[in-house]
Amino acid sequence: MERRLRKFVRVPKMWQVRLAETRAEGSTYRVALFLLDQASFSRKVTLSTARMRKLGVSRNGKRGALQKLRRAGLIAVEERPHKSPIVTVRFVD
């Protein structure tokens, strides 16, 4: 069954403030919006490089975005050797 595409992603106020404070750029916003969209299904999101490429985010862009979001306290990242990281999204309520 094909998943229905939603037209909007809710961005919690805390995310807006923290992203502005960190002076996030395009890749960080793309990753952030993707994570928030996926978090409506599950707070734990597997973040593959292939999926990010489809959004125009390179491997290094993904890595940098995860660092910024982690430092801002918006996510927790479970690194896994030779596998995509599992990201726990915080503050979505």
C-alpha atoms as a PDB file:
ATOM      1  CA  MET A   1       0.000   0.000   0.000  1.00  0.00           C
ATOM      2  CA  GLU A   2       1.414   3.346  -1.015  1.00  0.00           C
ATOM      3  CA  ARG A   3       1.880   5.866   1.781  1.00  0.00           C
ATOM      4  CA  ARG A   4      -0.152   9.025   1.313  1.00  0.00           C
ATOM      5  CA  LEU A   5       1.942  12.149   0.916  1.00  0.00           C
ATOM      6  CA  ARG A   6       1.148  14.887   3.351  1.00  0.00           C
ATOM      7  CA  LYS A   7       1.328  18.482   2.221  1.00  0.00           C
ATOM      8  CA  PHE A   8       2.656  19.970   5.456  1.00  0.00           C
ATOM      9  CA  VAL A   9       5.153  19.179   8.197  1.00  0.00           C
ATOM     10  CA  ARG A  10       4.576  20.690  11.630  1.00  0.00           C
ATOM     11  CA  VAL A  11       7.671  22.385  13.011  1.00  0.00           C
ATOM     12  CA  PRO A  12       7.524  22.749  16.806  1.00  0.00           C
ATOM     13  CA  LYS A  13       8.427  26.185  18.182  1.00  0.00           C
ATOM     14  CA  MET A  14      11.466  24.771  20.011  1.00  0.00           C
ATOM     15  CA  TRP A  15      12.820  23.449  16.712  1.00  0.00           C
ATOM     16  CA  GLN A  16      12.291  26.835  15.059  1.00  0.00           C
ATOM     17  CA  VAL A  17      14.163  28.621  17.843  1.00  0.00           C
ATOM     18  CA  ARG A  18      17.037  26.131  18.044  1.00  0.00           C
ATOM     19  CA  LEU A  19      17.507  26.010  14.264  1.00  0.00           C
ATOM     20  CA  ALA A  20      17.670  29.812  14.171  1.00  0.00           C
ATOM     21  CA  GLU A  21      20.166  29.872  17.061  1.00  0.00           C
ATOM     22  CA  THR A  22      22.470  27.398  15.316  1.00  0.00           C
ATOM     23  CA  ARG A  23      22.242  29.345  12.057  1.00  0.00           C
ATOM     24  CA  ALA A  24      21.235  26.205  10.219  1.00  0.00           C
ATOM     25  CA  GLU A  25      21.699  26.094   6.452  1.00  0.00           C
ATOM     26  CA  GLY A  26      19.861  24.217   3.696  1.00  0.00           C
ATOM     27  CA  SER A  27      21.062  20.672   4.400  1.00  0.00           C
ATOM     28  CA  THR A  28      20.277  21.006   8.090  1.00  0.00           C
ATOM     29  CA  TYR A  29      16.768  22.249   7.337  1.00  0.00           C
ATOM     30  CA  ARG A  30      16.166  19.444   4.835  1.00  0.00           C
ATOM     31  CA  VAL A  31      17.274  16.810   7.342  1.00  0.00           C
ATOM     32  CA  ALA A  32      15.285  18.490  10.146  1.00  0.00           C
ATOM     33  CA  LEU A  33      12.072  18.583   8.096  1.00  0.00           C
ATOM     34  CA  PHE A  34      12.544  14.978   7.016  1.00  0.00           C
ATOM     35  CA  LEU A  35      13.048  13.872  10.627  1.00  0.00           C
ATOM     36  CA  LEU A  36      10.014  15.808  11.855  1.00  0.00           C
ATOM     37  CA  ASP A  37       7.878  14.315   9.093  1.00  0.00           C
ATOM     38  CA  GLN A  38       9.021  10.786   9.895  1.00  0.00           C
ATOM     39  CA  ALA A  39       8.660  11.350  13.650  1.00  0.00           C
ATOM     40  CA  SER A  40       4.907  11.554  13.232  1.00  0.00           C
ATOM     41  CA  PHE A  41       5.073   7.787  12.569  1.00  0.00           C
ATOM     42  CA  SER A  42       7.860   6.855  14.997  1.00  0.00           C
ATOM     43  CA  ARG A  43      10.320   8.887  17.106  1.00  0.00           C
ATOM     44  CA  LYS A  44      13.164   6.623  15.990  1.00  0.00           C
ATOM     45  CA  VAL A  45      14.146   7.191  12.372  1.00  0.00           C
ATOM     46  CA  THR A  46      16.771   5.322  10.357  1.00  0.00           C
ATOM     47  CA  LEU A  47      18.548   7.967   8.300  1.00  0.00           C
ATOM     48  CA  SER A  48      20.054   6.417   5.181  1.00  0.00           C
ATOM     49  CA  THR A  49      22.379   8.258   2.852  1.00  0.00           C
ATOM     50  CA  ALA A  50      20.343   7.058  -0.149  1.00  0.00           C
ATOM     51  CA  ARG A  51      17.194   8.673   1.244  1.00  0.00           C
ATOM     52  CA  MET A  52      19.050  11.899   1.907  1.00  0.00           C
ATOM     53  CA  ARG A  53      20.469  11.938  -1.628  1.00  0.00           C
ATOM     54  CA  LYS A  54      16.890  11.962  -2.931  1.00  0.00           C
ATOM     55  CA  LEU A  55      16.387  15.178  -0.926  1.00  0.00           C
ATOM     56  CA  GLY A  56      19.592  16.689  -2.312  1.00  0.00           C
ATOM     57  CA  VAL A  57      21.677  16.148   0.838  1.00  0.00           C
ATOM     58  CA  SER A  58      25.149  14.619   0.461  1.00  0.00           C
ATOM     59  CA  ARG A  59      26.729  12.190   2.909  1.00  0.00           C
ATOM     60  CA  ASN A  60      28.822  14.996   4.406  1.00  0.00           C
ATOM     61  CA  GLY A  61      25.787  17.283   4.493  1.00  0.00           C
ATOM     62  CA  LYS A  62      23.887  14.626   6.420  1.00  0.00           C
ATOM     63  CA  ARG A  63      26.755  14.210   8.853  1.00  0.00           C
ATOM     64  CA  GLY A  64      27.021  17.964   9.442  1.00  0.00           C
ATOM     65  CA  ALA A  65      23.272  18.337   9.865  1.00  0.00           C
ATOM     66  CA  LEU A  66      23.165  15.544  12.433  1.00  0.00           C
ATOM     67  CA  GLN A  67      25.979  17.231  14.382  1.00  0.00           C
ATOM     68  CA  LYS A  68      24.155  20.555  14.439  1.00  0.00           C
ATOM     69  CA  LEU A  69      20.826  19.016  15.408  1.00  0.00           C
ATOM     70  CA  ARG A  70      22.514  16.926  18.111  1.00  0.00           C
ATOM     71  CA  ARG A  71      24.350  19.955  19.540  1.00  0.00           C
ATOM     72  CA  ALA A  72      21.060  21.867  19.566  1.00  0.00           C
ATOM     73  CA  GLY A  73      19.573  19.061  21.677  1.00  0.00           C
ATOM     74  CA  LEU A  74      16.853  18.270  19.134  1.00  0.00           C
ATOM     75  CA  ILE A  75      17.934  14.698  18.419  1.00  0.00           C
ATOM     76  CA  ALA A  76      19.914  11.793  19.804  1.00  0.00           C
ATOM     77  CA  VAL A  77      21.928   9.689  17.374  1.00  0.00           C
ATOM     78  CA  GLU A  78      22.765   6.016  17.692  1.00  0.00           C
ATOM     79  CA  GLU A  79      25.805   5.449  15.483  1.00  0.00           C
ATOM     80  CA  ARG A  80      26.133   1.943  14.019  1.00  0.00           C
ATOM     81  CA  PRO A  81      29.271   0.728  12.226  1.00  0.00           C
ATOM     82  CA  HIS A  82      28.652   0.289   8.486  1.00  0.00           C
ATOM     83  CA  LYS A  83      24.922   1.015   8.879  1.00  0.00           C
ATOM     84  CA  SER A  84      22.692   4.060   8.782  1.00  0.00           C
ATOM     85  CA  PRO A  85      22.372   5.874  12.110  1.00  0.00           C
ATOM     86  CA  ILE A  86      19.167   5.631  14.110  1.00  0.00           C
ATOM     87  CA  VAL A  87      17.973   9.089  15.112  1.00  0.00           C
ATOM     88  CA  THR A  88      15.639   9.695  18.060  1.00  0.00           C
ATOM     89  CA  VAL A  89      13.644  12.862  17.484  1.00  0.00           C
ATOM     90  CA  ARG A  90      12.957  14.994  20.571  1.00  0.00           C
ATOM     91  CA  PHE A  91      10.463  17.737  21.330  1.00  0.00           C
ATOM     92  CA  VAL A  92       7.814  16.971  18.727  1.00  0.00           C
ATOM     93  CA  ASP A  93       4.770  17.387  20.965  1.00  0.00           C
END
